[in-house]
Amino acid sequence: MEGMTSPLLHALPSDAQPTRAAQGFVLSNPARQVPLGEPSLLDQPQQIHLLGAGGAGLSGAAHLLLARGHQLTGHDREPSPFGLGLPPIGIPVAWGPSQGSHLPESTTLVLRSAAIGDDDPQMVAARERGLPVLKYAEVLGWLCRRQRVLACAGTHGKTTTSWMLHHALTGIEGMQGAGALVGGLHRQRGVNAVAPQGDAPLVIEACEYDRTFLRMRPRGALITNIEADHLDYYGDLASIERAFATFASQVSSGGLLVLGSKVPELIASAATCETWRLGREVRYEILSKHRGKFAFRLKGPGWALPRVQLAVPGEFNVENAALSIALAMGRAQRWGLDLEGAGAGIVRRLAEFQGAGRRFEPWGTFGGVELVHDYAHHPTEVRVTLEAARRVMPGKPLHVLFQPHQYSRTARFLQDFARSLEGAKRVVVADVYGARAHIDSQTAGAAELVQELLSCGIPAELGGPPSQAGQVLVDGLEGTCAALILGAGDIDGIRGELQDRLALRRP
């Protein structure tokens, strides 16, 4: 029966992974496979301490664990928008350099993010006290046993599509209590997680980095797209595709997998469940567009939605919405629900969705300068963000402040980044945000990117640290224009001072 865990999965040992060996599918680099753990410790209430509490994943999981009766505390080096949302719901968080004394005496279980090393003082203290320690990825595996999980994966668009799917589900009679665990804040609600009610579905953003998503056995899933990224971990595109194929093979055999139009056929062939592809079983037709926001009709197997109006800009969001609608309608079909009513509810709820935080997020207009921030940190994301900006702010010159994310990504995609920024009137490149710099095998910095931009005929200049780069951006703005602040690092931290500088700027 759909909605129950496959007997095959129950038969697997806790550290096994289903494979498709009969089809010639094997994982690359087996030494780095991720076991499918089932941390039963979480079945009983615990005093849980979170290391890396301000991270997108762990902070969201905290909301769900609190709703299940666990008591939680946390620590992180510095406040973040995610971490600052924990104390108001009753989870105290300590900030600053880690010390063994930050680990409460009452702790019975430690959860840590992937960013916390074994040498962290609180990790050392936990080992000395014999406390069990679980990674965030293991929490995902546990949640998949406890809820009807629907997973959103892909190189780009996961966060927005996850929140779109959550909106879609909450428009369906019987699924209004759907939950969510997402890597970005819901712009209207200001949260990155919503605890599900009862056996309602739980939407989880499934991240491919560190093969975290291979901990999951979802009841249904979607994959937006697959491109070369996280090459510091995977090495090449073929390894990324094989990891996504493994993910597809772990979707419940009675479930549904929805694929973006350009997802490789390898992924579909690895799945044991029903598969719909955008452009094949699921098709959309654009009806209208106004200032970058689209309306479209969508049709799938046994259902049709006559008109969907999006409040978020960008043609790429049409495909994101189509994928989320298809998975939601597929769930409604499997539950035997009224599909016409489900479609009407989905259309209503998606029209209300204003977007995720740091995804084409308006920061206001100051003296004729329209300010927008986006998390874009891959060449494809940068390119489509600029395309959306041209539609949303037609005729306005685009000034870009770009903070590259990782030295290795900057090196690998140097020419691609330059091409993605074509059409910008001017580009200010801030210092690289050096996440995971300790494992970068090849590097390039802001100076190399500026040189590449200049060689392509794109006006560009070094900005330096984020605050200084913001001033360089402001100094070069003239007349009525748009300023895009792009990057997945800490560039969003200059929002307030940038707004102040623009407000004080002479026209």
Foldseek 3Di string as FASTA:
>chain_A
DQPDFDVVVVPDPQFDFDFDVVVVFDAPPVVLDGGQHAPCVLVDAFEEEEEPCQAQQNLQVVVQSVVVPHHYEYEDADHDLSNVVPVVVPHHYYYRQAACVVDDPRGQEYEYEPVDDCPRNVNVNCVVVVHYYYYSLNVQLNVQNVEQEEEEAEDPDLQFLLVLLLLLQCLFVPQVQEKERGSFAQVVPSHRIHHGDDRHYYYYYQYPASLSLSNHQHQEYEYAYADDDPCLGQVDSVNSLSSLLSSQCSHRLAHEYEYEQHRDVSNVVSHNHHYHYEVGQKYKDWDDDALQWTKIWIDHVPDTAGIATAQEGFPSVVRSNSRSNVRSLRVCVVVVHDSVSSSVSSSVSRNVRNGTPQCQAWLDAFQQETETGHADAALVSLLRVVVSNCSNPPPFAEEEEEAHEAFQRCVVCLLSNLVSCPRHQEYEYEWHNHVPVVSRPHGDISVSSCVSNVVVVHHYDYQYHLQSNLVVSLVPDDHRHYYYYYHNHCNCVCSVVSNVCRNPDDD
